[in-house]
PDB file of N, CA and C in Angstrom:
ATOM      1  N   ASP A   1      -4.532 -16.576  51.867  1.00  0.00           N
ATOM      2  CA  ASP A   1      -5.994 -15.948  51.912  1.00  0.00           C
ATOM      3  C   ASP A   1      -6.666 -15.381  52.423  1.00  0.00           C
ATOM      4  N   THR A   2      -7.420 -13.772  52.324  1.00  0.00           N
ATOM      5  CA  THR A   2      -8.141 -12.761  52.324  1.00  0.00           C
ATOM      6  C   THR A   2      -8.836 -12.942  53.631  1.00  0.00           C
ATOM      7  N   LEU A   3      -9.065 -14.142  54.782  1.00  0.00           N
ATOM      8  CA  LEU A   3      -9.211 -13.961  55.952  1.00  0.00           C
ATOM      9  C   LEU A   3      -8.401 -14.394  57.012  1.00  0.00           C
ATOM     10  N   ASP A   4      -7.092 -14.687  56.605  1.00  0.00           N
ATOM     11  CA  ASP A   4      -6.296 -14.589  57.349  1.00  0.00           C
ATOM     12  C   ASP A   4      -5.697 -12.851  57.727  1.00  0.00           C
ATOM     13  N   ARG A   5      -5.411 -11.909  58.959  1.00  0.00           N
ATOM     14  CA  ARG A   5      -6.000 -11.127  59.217  1.00  0.00           C
ATOM     15  C   ARG A   5      -4.499 -11.048  59.400  1.00  0.00           C
ATOM     16  N   VAL A   6      -3.874  -9.805  59.170  1.00  0.00           N
ATOM     17  CA  VAL A   6      -2.172  -8.800  59.006  1.00  0.00           C
ATOM     18  C   VAL A   6      -2.249  -7.888  60.884  1.00  0.00           C
ATOM     19  N   ASN A   7      -3.056  -8.295  60.928  1.00  0.00           N
ATOM     20  CA  ASN A   7      -3.353  -7.077  62.609  1.00  0.00           C
ATOM     21  C   ASN A   7      -2.165  -7.757  63.508  1.00  0.00           C
ATOM     22  N   ARG A   8      -1.596  -6.281  63.736  1.00  0.00           N
ATOM     23  CA  ARG A   8      -0.274  -6.394  64.641  1.00  0.00           C
ATOM     24  C   ARG A   8       0.107  -6.087  65.689  1.00  0.00           C
ATOM     25  N   VAL A   9       0.122  -6.142  67.570  1.00  0.00           N
ATOM     26  CA  VAL A   9       0.455  -5.213  68.302  1.00  0.00           C
ATOM     27  C   VAL A   9       1.726  -5.199  68.878  1.00  0.00           C
ATOM     28  N   GLU A  10       1.782  -3.454  69.036  1.00  0.00           N
ATOM     29  CA  GLU A  10       3.387  -3.547  68.935  1.00  0.00           C
ATOM     30  C   GLU A  10       3.955  -3.118  70.062  1.00  0.00           C
ATOM     31  N   ASP A  11       2.557  -2.543  70.692  1.00  0.00           N
ATOM     32  CA  ASP A  11       2.604  -2.470  72.995  1.00  0.00           C
ATOM     33  C   ASP A  11       1.964  -3.439  73.200  1.00  0.00           C
ATOM     34  N   ALA A  12       2.183  -3.656  73.858  1.00  0.00           N
ATOM     35  CA  ALA A  12       1.521  -4.968  74.676  1.00  0.00           C
ATOM     36  C   ALA A  12       0.542  -4.513  76.163  1.00  0.00           C
ATOM     37  N   ALA A  13       1.078  -2.986  76.794  1.00  0.00           N
ATOM     38  CA  ALA A  13       0.618  -2.243  77.590  1.00  0.00           C
ATOM     39  C   ALA A  13      -1.119  -2.025  76.841  1.00  0.00           C
ATOM     40  N   THR A  14      -0.680  -1.485  75.731  1.00  0.00           N
ATOM     41  CA  THR A  14      -1.692  -0.791  74.998  1.00  0.00           C
ATOM     42  C   THR A  14      -2.659  -1.484  74.913  1.00  0.00           C
ATOM     43  N   ALA A  15      -2.645  -2.777  74.457  1.00  0.00           N
ATOM     44  CA  ALA A  15      -3.760  -3.953  74.189  1.00  0.00           C
ATOM     45  C   ALA A  15      -3.995  -4.760  75.298  1.00  0.00           C
ATOM     46  N   THR A  16      -3.088  -4.645  76.256  1.00  0.00           N
ATOM     47  CA  THR A  16      -3.858  -4.352  77.635  1.00  0.00           C
ATOM     48  C   THR A  16      -4.625  -4.116  78.055  1.00  0.00           C
ATOM     49  N   ARG A  17      -4.275  -2.810  77.416  1.00  0.00           N
ATOM     50  CA  ARG A  17      -5.782  -2.184  78.929  1.00  0.00           C
ATOM     51  C   ARG A  17      -6.666  -1.703  77.544  1.00  0.00           C
ATOM     52  N   ILE A  18      -6.183  -1.827  76.753  1.00  0.00           N
ATOM     53  CA  ILE A  18      -8.112  -2.077  75.969  1.00  0.00           C
ATOM     54  C   ILE A  18      -8.929  -2.714  75.867  1.00  0.00           C
ATOM     55  N   ARG A  19      -8.088  -4.142  76.406  1.00  0.00           N
ATOM     56  CA  ARG A  19      -8.473  -5.183  76.949  1.00  0.00           C
ATOM     57  C   ARG A  19      -9.278  -5.422  78.487  1.00  0.00           C
ATOM     58  N   LYS A  20      -9.072  -4.756  78.481  1.00  0.00           N
ATOM     59  CA  LYS A  20     -10.358  -4.052  80.342  1.00  0.00           C
ATOM     60  C   LYS A  20     -11.424  -3.107  79.972  1.00  0.00           C
ATOM     61  N   HIS A  21     -11.289  -2.770  79.192  1.00  0.00           N
ATOM     62  CA  HIS A  21     -12.895  -2.331  78.404  1.00  0.00           C
ATOM     63  C   HIS A  21     -14.260  -2.658  77.962  1.00  0.00           C
ATOM     64  N   ARG A  22     -15.007  -2.737  78.451  1.00  0.00           N
ATOM     65  CA  ARG A  22     -16.328  -2.905  78.063  1.00  0.00           C
ATOM     66  C   ARG A  22     -16.776  -1.960  76.455  1.00  0.00           C
ATOM     67  N   PHE A  23     -17.361  -2.998  75.696  1.00  0.00           N
ATOM     68  CA  PHE A  23     -18.179  -2.512  74.006  1.00  0.00           C
ATOM     69  C   PHE A  23     -18.947  -2.884  74.662  1.00  0.00           C
ATOM     70  N   PRO A  24     -20.473  -1.772  73.481  1.00  0.00           N
ATOM     71  CA  PRO A  24     -21.620  -1.935  74.973  1.00  0.00           C
ATOM     72  C   PRO A  24     -22.930  -3.615  73.113  1.00  0.00           C
ATOM     73  N   SER A  25     -23.456  -4.138  74.324  1.00  0.00           N
ATOM     74  CA  SER A  25     -24.397  -5.139  73.211  1.00  0.00           C
ATOM     75  C   SER A  25     -25.422  -4.780  73.712  1.00  0.00           C
ATOM     76  N   PRO A  26     -26.454  -4.948  72.446  1.00  0.00           N
ATOM     77  CA  PRO A  26     -25.834  -5.084  71.322  1.00  0.00           C
ATOM     78  C   PRO A  26     -24.672  -4.232  70.380  1.00  0.00           C
ATOM     79  N   THR A  27     -23.712  -4.525  69.098  1.00  0.00           N
ATOM     80  CA  THR A  27     -23.268  -3.504  68.800  1.00  0.00           C
ATOM     81  C   THR A  27     -23.654  -3.553  67.633  1.00  0.00           C
ATOM     82  N   VAL A  28     -24.127  -2.844  66.856  1.00  0.00           N
ATOM     83  CA  VAL A  28     -25.519  -2.332  65.954  1.00  0.00           C
ATOM     84  C   VAL A  28     -24.375  -1.378  65.595  1.00  0.00           C
ATOM     85  N   PHE A  29     -23.642  -1.625  64.165  1.00  0.00           N
ATOM     86  CA  PHE A  29     -22.897  -0.705  62.928  1.00  0.00           C
ATOM     87  C   PHE A  29     -23.553  -1.152  61.141  1.00  0.00           C
ATOM     88  N   ASN A  30     -24.900  -0.137  60.822  1.00  0.00           N
ATOM     89  CA  ASN A  30     -25.805  -0.249  59.452  1.00  0.00           C
ATOM     90  C   ASN A  30     -24.894   0.742  58.648  1.00  0.00           C
ATOM     91  N   ASP A  31     -24.069  -0.132  57.887  1.00  0.00           N
ATOM     92  CA  ASP A  31     -23.831   0.887  56.438  1.00  0.00           C
ATOM     93  C   ASP A  31     -22.991   2.317  57.441  1.00  0.00           C
ATOM     94  N   ARG A  32     -22.159   2.245  58.455  1.00  0.00           N
ATOM     95  CA  ARG A  32     -21.229   3.250  58.789  1.00  0.00           C
ATOM     96  C   ARG A  32     -20.366   3.288  58.426  1.00  0.00           C
ATOM     97  N   ASP A  33     -19.694   5.066  58.410  1.00  0.00           N
ATOM     98  CA  ASP A  33     -18.708   5.029  57.430  1.00  0.00           C
ATOM     99  C   ASP A  33     -17.759   5.111  58.226  1.00  0.00           C
ATOM    100  N   TRP A  34     -16.548   5.444  58.592  1.00  0.00           N
ATOM    101  CA  TRP A  34     -14.776   4.882  59.402  1.00  0.00           C
ATOM    102  C   TRP A  34     -14.711   6.671  60.456  1.00  0.00           C
ATOM    103  N   ASN A  35     -16.243   8.015  60.440  1.00  0.00           N
ATOM    104  CA  ASN A  35     -15.711   9.239  61.189  1.00  0.00           C
ATOM    105  C   ASN A  35     -16.848   9.416  62.307  1.00  0.00           C
ATOM    106  N   SER A  36     -18.523   8.372  61.996  1.00  0.00           N
ATOM    107  CA  SER A  36     -18.482   7.085  63.043  1.00  0.00           C
ATOM    108  C   SER A  36     -18.105   6.354  64.131  1.00  0.00           C
ATOM    109  N   LEU A  37     -17.242   5.461  63.275  1.00  0.00           N
ATOM    110  CA  LEU A  37     -17.604   4.515  63.232  1.00  0.00           C
ATOM    111  C   LEU A  37     -15.991   5.048  64.664  1.00  0.00           C
ATOM    112  N   HIS A  38     -15.212   6.333  63.932  1.00  0.00           N
ATOM    113  CA  HIS A  38     -13.843   6.590  65.080  1.00  0.00           C
ATOM    114  C   HIS A  38     -14.528   7.205  66.045  1.00  0.00           C
ATOM    115  N   ARG A  39     -15.949   8.088  66.404  1.00  0.00           N
ATOM    116  CA  ARG A  39     -15.777   8.604  67.870  1.00  0.00           C
ATOM    117  C   ARG A  39     -16.744   6.895  67.866  1.00  0.00           C
ATOM    118  N   ALA A  40     -17.422   6.111  68.499  1.00  0.00           N
ATOM    119  CA  ALA A  40     -17.676   5.141  69.142  1.00  0.00           C
ATOM    120  C   ALA A  40     -16.947   4.303  69.361  1.00  0.00           C
ATOM    121  N   LEU A  41     -15.352   4.723  68.539  1.00  0.00           N
ATOM    122  CA  LEU A  41     -14.720   3.177  69.649  1.00  0.00           C
ATOM    123  C   LEU A  41     -13.185   4.090  70.302  1.00  0.00           C
ATOM    124  N   THR A  42     -13.600   4.879  70.172  1.00  0.00           N
ATOM    125  CA  THR A  42     -12.666   6.180  70.691  1.00  0.00           C
ATOM    126  C   THR A  42     -13.308   6.339  72.468  1.00  0.00           C
ATOM    127  N   PHE A  43     -14.749   6.135  72.060  1.00  0.00           N
ATOM    128  CA  PHE A  43     -15.750   6.622  73.312  1.00  0.00           C
ATOM    129  C   PHE A  43     -15.190   5.689  74.299  1.00  0.00           C
ATOM    130  N   HIS A  44     -15.781   4.414  73.581  1.00  0.00           N
ATOM    131  CA  HIS A  44     -15.474   3.343  74.853  1.00  0.00           C
ATOM    132  C   HIS A  44     -14.581   2.202  74.633  1.00  0.00           C
ATOM    133  N   LEU A  45     -13.525   2.918  73.386  1.00  0.00           N
ATOM    134  CA  LEU A  45     -12.183   2.530  74.081  1.00  0.00           C
ATOM    135  C   LEU A  45     -10.501   2.971  74.641  1.00  0.00           C
ATOM    136  N   ASP A  46     -10.916   4.061  74.980  1.00  0.00           N
ATOM    137  CA  ASP A  46     -10.241   5.125  74.869  1.00  0.00           C
ATOM    138  C   ASP A  46      -8.865   5.098  75.141  1.00  0.00           C
ATOM    139  N   VAL A  47      -8.287   5.112  73.455  1.00  0.00           N
ATOM    140  CA  VAL A  47      -7.828   4.966  73.262  1.00  0.00           C
ATOM    141  C   VAL A  47      -7.402   5.923  71.697  1.00  0.00           C
ATOM    142  N   ARG A  48      -6.462   6.134  71.877  1.00  0.00           N
ATOM    143  CA  ARG A  48      -6.842   7.453  69.768  1.00  0.00           C
ATOM    144  C   ARG A  48      -6.327   6.500  68.814  1.00  0.00           C
ATOM    145  N   PHE A  49      -7.678   7.011  67.894  1.00  0.00           N
ATOM    146  CA  PHE A  49      -7.475   5.889  66.407  1.00  0.00           C
ATOM    147  C   PHE A  49      -6.844   6.977  65.487  1.00  0.00           C
ATOM    148  N   LEU A  50      -6.134   5.852  64.119  1.00  0.00           N
ATOM    149  CA  LEU A  50      -6.187   6.143  63.769  1.00  0.00           C
ATOM    150  C   LEU A  50      -6.668   6.239  62.171  1.00  0.00           C
ATOM    151  N   PRO A  51      -6.837   6.602  61.036  1.00  0.00           N
ATOM    152  CA  PRO A  51      -6.577   8.158  60.668  1.00  0.00           C
ATOM    153  C   PRO A  51      -7.478   8.676  61.143  1.00  0.00           C
ATOM    154  N   PRO A  52      -7.441   9.904  61.309  1.00  0.00           N
ATOM    155  CA  PRO A  52      -8.505  11.009  61.767  1.00  0.00           C
ATOM    156  C   PRO A  52      -9.279  10.423  61.299  1.00  0.00           C
ATOM    157  N   PRO A  53     -10.322  10.815  62.042  1.00  0.00           N
ATOM    158  CA  PRO A  53     -12.184  11.000  60.877  1.00  0.00           C
ATOM    159  C   PRO A  53     -11.835  12.316  59.219  1.00  0.00           C
ATOM    160  N   GLY A  54     -12.184  12.202  58.856  1.00  0.00           N
ATOM    161  CA  GLY A  54     -12.384  13.535  57.793  1.00  0.00           C
ATOM    162  C   GLY A  54     -10.613  13.070  57.167  1.00  0.00           C
ATOM    163  N   SER A  55      -9.722  12.354  56.787  1.00  0.00           N
ATOM    164  CA  SER A  55      -9.256  12.752  56.148  1.00  0.00           C
ATOM    165  C   SER A  55      -8.751  11.584  54.820  1.00  0.00           C
ATOM    166  N   HIS A  56      -7.600  12.018  54.247  1.00  0.00           N
ATOM    167  CA  HIS A  56      -8.036  11.724  53.363  1.00  0.00           C
ATOM    168  C   HIS A  56      -7.031   9.592  53.195  1.00  0.00           C
ATOM    169  N   ALA A  57      -6.834   9.577  53.965  1.00  0.00           N
ATOM    170  CA  ALA A  57      -6.426   8.286  54.236  1.00  0.00           C
ATOM    171  C   ALA A  57      -7.695   7.790  55.005  1.00  0.00           C
ATOM    172  N   SER A  58      -8.490   8.167  55.612  1.00  0.00           N
ATOM    173  CA  SER A  58      -9.740   7.423  55.860  1.00  0.00           C
ATOM    174  C   SER A  58     -11.440   7.752  54.933  1.00  0.00           C
ATOM    175  N   ASN A  59     -11.343   8.131  53.999  1.00  0.00           N
ATOM    176  CA  ASN A  59     -11.603   8.502  53.238  1.00  0.00           C
ATOM    177  C   ASN A  59     -12.141   7.195  52.401  1.00  0.00           C
ATOM    178  N   HIS A  60     -10.753   6.528  52.137  1.00  0.00           N
ATOM    179  CA  HIS A  60     -10.712   5.001  51.577  1.00  0.00           C
ATOM    180  C   HIS A  60     -10.933   4.218  51.844  1.00  0.00           C
ATOM    181  N   PHE A  61     -11.791   4.495  53.412  1.00  0.00           N
ATOM    182  CA  PHE A  61     -12.373   2.781  53.695  1.00  0.00           C
ATOM    183  C   PHE A  61     -13.507   2.336  53.350  1.00  0.00           C
ATOM    184  N   TYR A  62     -14.233   1.321  53.284  1.00  0.00           N
ATOM    185  CA  TYR A  62     -15.208   1.054  53.088  1.00  0.00           C
ATOM    186  C   TYR A  62     -16.269   0.940  53.769  1.00  0.00           C
ATOM    187  N   ARG A  63     -17.736   1.230  54.184  1.00  0.00           N
ATOM    188  CA  ARG A  63     -18.615   1.263  54.849  1.00  0.00           C
ATOM    189  C   ARG A  63     -18.398  -0.414  55.924  1.00  0.00           C
ATOM    190  N   HIS A  64     -18.695   0.022  56.932  1.00  0.00           N
ATOM    191  CA  HIS A  64     -18.755  -0.932  57.461  1.00  0.00           C
ATOM    192  C   HIS A  64     -20.528  -1.375  58.448  1.00  0.00           C
ATOM    193  N   SER A  65     -20.789  -2.559  57.908  1.00  0.00           N
ATOM    194  CA  SER A  65     -22.202  -2.881  58.422  1.00  0.00           C
ATOM    195  C   SER A  65     -22.088  -3.787  59.177  1.00  0.00           C
ATOM    196  N   LEU A  66     -22.158  -4.050  60.637  1.00  0.00           N
ATOM    197  CA  LEU A  66     -22.439  -5.655  61.119  1.00  0.00           C
ATOM    198  C   LEU A  66     -23.201  -5.991  62.792  1.00  0.00           C
ATOM    199  N   ILE A  67     -23.892  -6.661  62.967  1.00  0.00           N
ATOM    200  CA  ILE A  67     -24.330  -6.376  64.521  1.00  0.00           C
ATOM    201  C   ILE A  67     -23.364  -8.193  65.618  1.00  0.00           C
ATOM    202  N   ALA A  68     -22.751  -7.591  66.804  1.00  0.00           N
ATOM    203  CA  ALA A  68     -22.307  -8.543  67.220  1.00  0.00           C
ATOM    204  C   ALA A  68     -22.871  -7.799  69.089  1.00  0.00           C
ATOM    205  N   TYR A  69     -23.295  -9.128  69.440  1.00  0.00           N
ATOM    206  CA  TYR A  69     -23.541  -9.712  70.756  1.00  0.00           C
ATOM    207  C   TYR A  69     -22.097 -10.174  71.172  1.00  0.00           C
ATOM    208  N   GLY A  70     -22.297  -9.486  73.195  1.00  0.00           N
ATOM    209  CA  GLY A  70     -21.545 -10.217  73.535  1.00  0.00           C
ATOM    210  C   GLY A  70     -19.997  -9.850  73.095  1.00  0.00           C
ATOM    211  N   LEU A  71     -19.314  -8.965  72.862  1.00  0.00           N
ATOM    212  CA  LEU A  71     -18.011  -8.627  72.472  1.00  0.00           C
ATOM    213  C   LEU A  71     -16.710  -8.465  73.201  1.00  0.00           C
ATOM    214  N   THR A  72     -15.794  -8.863  72.910  1.00  0.00           N
ATOM    215  CA  THR A  72     -14.476  -8.304  73.794  1.00  0.00           C
ATOM    216  C   THR A  72     -14.142  -6.876  72.420  1.00  0.00           C
ATOM    217  N   PRO A  73     -13.680  -6.523  73.595  1.00  0.00           N
ATOM    218  CA  PRO A  73     -12.797  -4.850  72.228  1.00  0.00           C
ATOM    219  C   PRO A  73     -12.340  -5.686  71.641  1.00  0.00           C
ATOM    220  N   SER A  74     -11.327  -6.356  71.316  1.00  0.00           N
ATOM    221  CA  SER A  74     -10.340  -7.540  70.124  1.00  0.00           C
ATOM    222  C   SER A  74     -11.121  -7.464  69.141  1.00  0.00           C
ATOM    223  N   GLU A  75     -11.944  -8.764  69.529  1.00  0.00           N
ATOM    224  CA  GLU A  75     -13.218  -9.217  68.999  1.00  0.00           C
ATOM    225  C   GLU A  75     -13.834  -8.348  68.361  1.00  0.00           C
ATOM    226  N   VAL A  76     -14.154  -6.890  68.847  1.00  0.00           N
ATOM    227  CA  VAL A  76     -14.816  -5.558  68.639  1.00  0.00           C
ATOM    228  C   VAL A  76     -13.575  -5.733  67.027  1.00  0.00           C
ATOM    229  N   LEU A  77     -12.922  -5.410  67.592  1.00  0.00           N
ATOM    230  CA  LEU A  77     -11.422  -4.733  66.221  1.00  0.00           C
ATOM    231  C   LEU A  77     -11.229  -5.330  65.380  1.00  0.00           C
ATOM    232  N   ASP A  78     -11.318  -6.901  65.651  1.00  0.00           N
ATOM    233  CA  ASP A  78     -11.130  -8.164  64.089  1.00  0.00           C
ATOM    234  C   ASP A  78     -11.953  -7.626  63.512  1.00  0.00           C
ATOM    235  N   ALA A  79     -13.623  -8.205  64.485  1.00  0.00           N
ATOM    236  CA  ALA A  79     -14.762  -8.227  62.951  1.00  0.00           C
ATOM    237  C   ALA A  79     -14.683  -6.236  62.598  1.00  0.00           C
ATOM    238  N   LEU A  80     -14.501  -5.777  63.282  1.00  0.00           N
ATOM    239  CA  LEU A  80     -14.575  -4.146  62.067  1.00  0.00           C
ATOM    240  C   LEU A  80     -12.599  -3.909  61.013  1.00  0.00           C
ATOM    241  N   SER A  81     -12.476  -4.863  60.996  1.00  0.00           N
ATOM    242  CA  SER A  81     -10.940  -4.661  60.425  1.00  0.00           C
ATOM    243  C   SER A  81     -11.628  -5.804  59.375  1.00  0.00           C
ATOM    244  N   TYR A  82     -12.633  -6.641  59.387  1.00  0.00           N
ATOM    245  CA  TYR A  82     -13.157  -8.101  58.756  1.00  0.00           C
ATOM    246  C   TYR A  82     -14.215  -7.262  57.483  1.00  0.00           C
ATOM    247  N   ALA A  83     -15.030  -6.795  57.990  1.00  0.00           N
ATOM    248  CA  ALA A  83     -16.113  -5.440  57.783  1.00  0.00           C
ATOM    249  C   ALA A  83     -15.554  -4.266  57.250  1.00  0.00           C
ATOM    250  N   GLY A  84     -14.660  -4.265  57.070  1.00  0.00           N
ATOM    251  CA  GLY A  84     -14.112  -2.753  56.501  1.00  0.00           C
ATOM    252  C   GLY A  84     -13.329  -3.091  55.166  1.00  0.00           C
ATOM    253  N   LYS A  85     -12.267  -4.305  54.964  1.00  0.00           N
ATOM    254  CA  LYS A  85     -11.284  -4.690  55.276  1.00  0.00           C
ATOM    255  C   LYS A  85     -10.313  -4.344  55.134  1.00  0.00           C
ATOM    256  N   THR A  86      -9.339  -3.722  56.043  1.00  0.00           N
ATOM    257  CA  THR A  86      -8.384  -3.173  56.716  1.00  0.00           C
ATOM    258  C   THR A  86      -7.108  -4.342  57.410  1.00  0.00           C
ATOM    259  N   SER A  87      -6.783  -3.825  58.129  1.00  0.00           N
ATOM    260  CA  SER A  87      -5.730  -4.542  58.621  1.00  0.00           C
ATOM    261  C   SER A  87      -5.160  -3.155  60.408  1.00  0.00           C
ATOM    262  N   TYR A  88      -5.546  -3.323  61.912  1.00  0.00           N
ATOM    263  CA  TYR A  88      -4.463  -2.316  61.923  1.00  0.00           C
ATOM    264  C   TYR A  88      -3.556  -3.166  63.591  1.00  0.00           C
ATOM    265  N   THR A  89      -2.420  -1.418  63.436  1.00  0.00           N
ATOM    266  CA  THR A  89      -1.894  -1.637  64.505  1.00  0.00           C
ATOM    267  C   THR A  89      -1.970  -1.275  65.991  1.00  0.00           C
ATOM    268  N   ILE A  90      -1.928  -1.895  66.676  1.00  0.00           N
ATOM    269  CA  ILE A  90      -1.739  -1.630  68.062  1.00  0.00           C
ATOM    270  C   ILE A  90      -0.082  -0.615  68.232  1.00  0.00           C
ATOM    271  N   GLN A  91      -0.790   0.527  68.675  1.00  0.00           N
ATOM    272  CA  GLN A  91       0.306   1.349  69.027  1.00  0.00           C
ATOM    273  C   GLN A  91       0.713   1.880  70.338  1.00  0.00           C
ATOM    274  N   LYS A  92       1.956   2.872  71.013  1.00  0.00           N
ATOM    275  CA  LYS A  92       1.449   3.037  71.996  1.00  0.00           C
ATOM    276  C   LYS A  92       0.943   3.948  72.141  1.00  0.00           C
ATOM    277  N   GLN A  93      -0.351   4.005  73.215  1.00  0.00           N
ATOM    278  CA  GLN A  93      -1.556   4.570  73.004  1.00  0.00           C
ATOM    279  C   GLN A  93      -2.643   5.103  72.511  1.00  0.00           C
ATOM    280  N   ARG A  94      -2.578   4.375  71.150  1.00  0.00           N
ATOM    281  CA  ARG A  94      -3.011   3.999  69.289  1.00  0.00           C
ATOM    282  C   ARG A  94      -2.977   2.986  68.763  1.00  0.00           C
ATOM    283  N   ILE A  95      -4.511   2.819  68.026  1.00  0.00           N
ATOM    284  CA  ILE A  95      -4.692   2.201  67.298  1.00  0.00           C
ATOM    285  C   ILE A  95      -5.075   3.057  66.205  1.00  0.00           C
ATOM    286  N   LEU A  96      -3.841   2.216  64.666  1.00  0.00           N
ATOM    287  CA  LEU A  96      -3.803   1.944  63.654  1.00  0.00           C
ATOM    288  C   LEU A  96      -4.420   1.500  62.461  1.00  0.00           C
ATOM    289  N   PHE A  97      -5.538   1.624  62.568  1.00  0.00           N
ATOM    290  CA  PHE A  97      -6.280   2.163  61.239  1.00  0.00           C
ATOM    291  C   PHE A  97      -5.459   1.506  59.925  1.00  0.00           C
ATOM    292  N   GLN A  98      -5.760  -0.044  58.762  1.00  0.00           N
ATOM    293  CA  GLN A  98      -5.159   1.182  56.915  1.00  0.00           C
ATOM    294  C   GLN A  98      -5.834  -0.120  56.378  1.00  0.00           C
ATOM    295  N   LEU A  99      -5.901   0.678  55.421  1.00  0.00           N
ATOM    296  CA  LEU A  99      -6.625  -0.370  54.056  1.00  0.00           C
ATOM    297  C   LEU A  99      -5.705  -1.752  54.056  1.00  0.00           C
ATOM    298  N   ASP A 100      -6.281  -3.614  53.800  1.00  0.00           N
ATOM    299  CA  ASP A 100      -5.657  -4.043  53.772  1.00  0.00           C
ATOM    300  C   ASP A 100      -5.009  -3.892  52.086  1.00  0.00           C
ATOM    301  N   GLU A 101      -3.873  -4.317  51.641  1.00  0.00           N
ATOM    302  CA  GLU A 101      -3.327  -4.057  50.744  1.00  0.00           C
ATOM    303  C   GLU A 101      -3.175  -5.265  49.598  1.00  0.00           C
ATOM    304  N   ARG A 102      -3.826  -6.632  49.869  1.00  0.00           N
ATOM    305  CA  ARG A 102      -3.368  -7.921  50.116  1.00  0.00           C
ATOM    306  C   ARG A 102      -4.072  -7.787  48.513  1.00  0.00           C
ATOM    307  N   PHE A 103      -3.873  -8.554  47.252  1.00  0.00           N
ATOM    308  CA  PHE A 103      -4.185  -8.250  45.708  1.00  0.00           C
ATOM    309  C   PHE A 103      -5.498 -10.076  46.862  1.00  0.00           C
ATOM    310  N   HIS A 104      -7.224  -8.837  46.209  1.00  0.00           N
ATOM    311  CA  HIS A 104      -8.288 -10.108  46.419  1.00  0.00           C
ATOM    312  C   HIS A 104      -8.991 -10.806  44.901  1.00  0.00           C
ATOM    313  N   GLU A 105      -8.254 -11.260  44.560  1.00  0.00           N
ATOM    314  CA  GLU A 105      -8.667 -12.257  43.272  1.00  0.00           C
ATOM    315  C   GLU A 105     -10.159 -12.958  43.794  1.00  0.00           C
ATOM    316  N   ARG A 106     -11.242 -13.055  42.636  1.00  0.00           N
ATOM    317  CA  ARG A 106     -12.609 -13.186  43.013  1.00  0.00           C
ATOM    318  C   ARG A 106     -12.218 -15.053  42.638  1.00  0.00           C
ATOM    319  N   PRO A 107     -13.271 -15.492  43.124  1.00  0.00           N
ATOM    320  CA  PRO A 107     -12.965 -17.132  44.100  1.00  0.00           C
ATOM    321  C   PRO A 107     -13.692 -18.055  42.787  1.00  0.00           C
ATOM    322  N   ILE A 108     -12.878 -18.433  42.740  1.00  0.00           N
ATOM    323  CA  ILE A 108     -12.799 -19.827  41.565  1.00  0.00           C
ATOM    324  C   ILE A 108     -14.631 -21.098  42.095  1.00  0.00           C
ATOM    325  N   ILE A 109     -15.713 -21.032  41.703  1.00  0.00           N
ATOM    326  CA  ILE A 109     -15.915 -21.973  41.904  1.00  0.00           C
ATOM    327  C   ILE A 109     -16.219 -22.714  40.979  1.00  0.00           C
ATOM    328  N   PRO A 110     -15.882 -24.399  41.107  1.00  0.00           N
ATOM    329  CA  PRO A 110     -16.509 -24.685  39.979  1.00  0.00           C
ATOM    330  C   PRO A 110     -17.893 -25.479  39.350  1.00  0.00           C
ATOM    331  N   GLY A 111     -18.015 -25.625  38.114  1.00  0.00           N
ATOM    332  CA  GLY A 111     -18.837 -25.680  37.717  1.00  0.00           C
ATOM    333  C   GLY A 111     -19.823 -24.673  37.189  1.00  0.00           C
ATOM    334  N   PHE A 112     -19.151 -23.346  38.190  1.00  0.00           N
ATOM    335  CA  PHE A 112     -20.776 -22.037  37.636  1.00  0.00           C
ATOM    336  C   PHE A 112     -20.024 -21.205  36.542  1.00  0.00           C
ATOM    337  N   PRO A 113     -20.151 -20.785  35.032  1.00  0.00           N
ATOM    338  CA  PRO A 113     -19.161 -19.815  34.363  1.00  0.00           C
ATOM    339  C   PRO A 113     -19.071 -19.590  34.041  1.00  0.00           C
TER     340      PRO A 113
END
């Protein structure tokens, strides 16, 4: 199912350190590309995010649109993962976002032509 995220934690210490940070509320990303998200995430979560802005890999990310209130850093990462159709891996001192390569098929709606 495409709603099941495939996010991984490879370094528990980095994940714990990220959870101690606060993300501003409300969080508003209206049609934002990876370059602007990268700056906000790096500033508020104090960890390195990959791919770097302007890189070939980041040019293929979807634009993000979401508004959220009172999210924890983990929830912010999950929300961005859903909004951008990406997955992430928490590694030592960094978080790697990548496109979700799973096949996305059109939903079948009974009774719809």
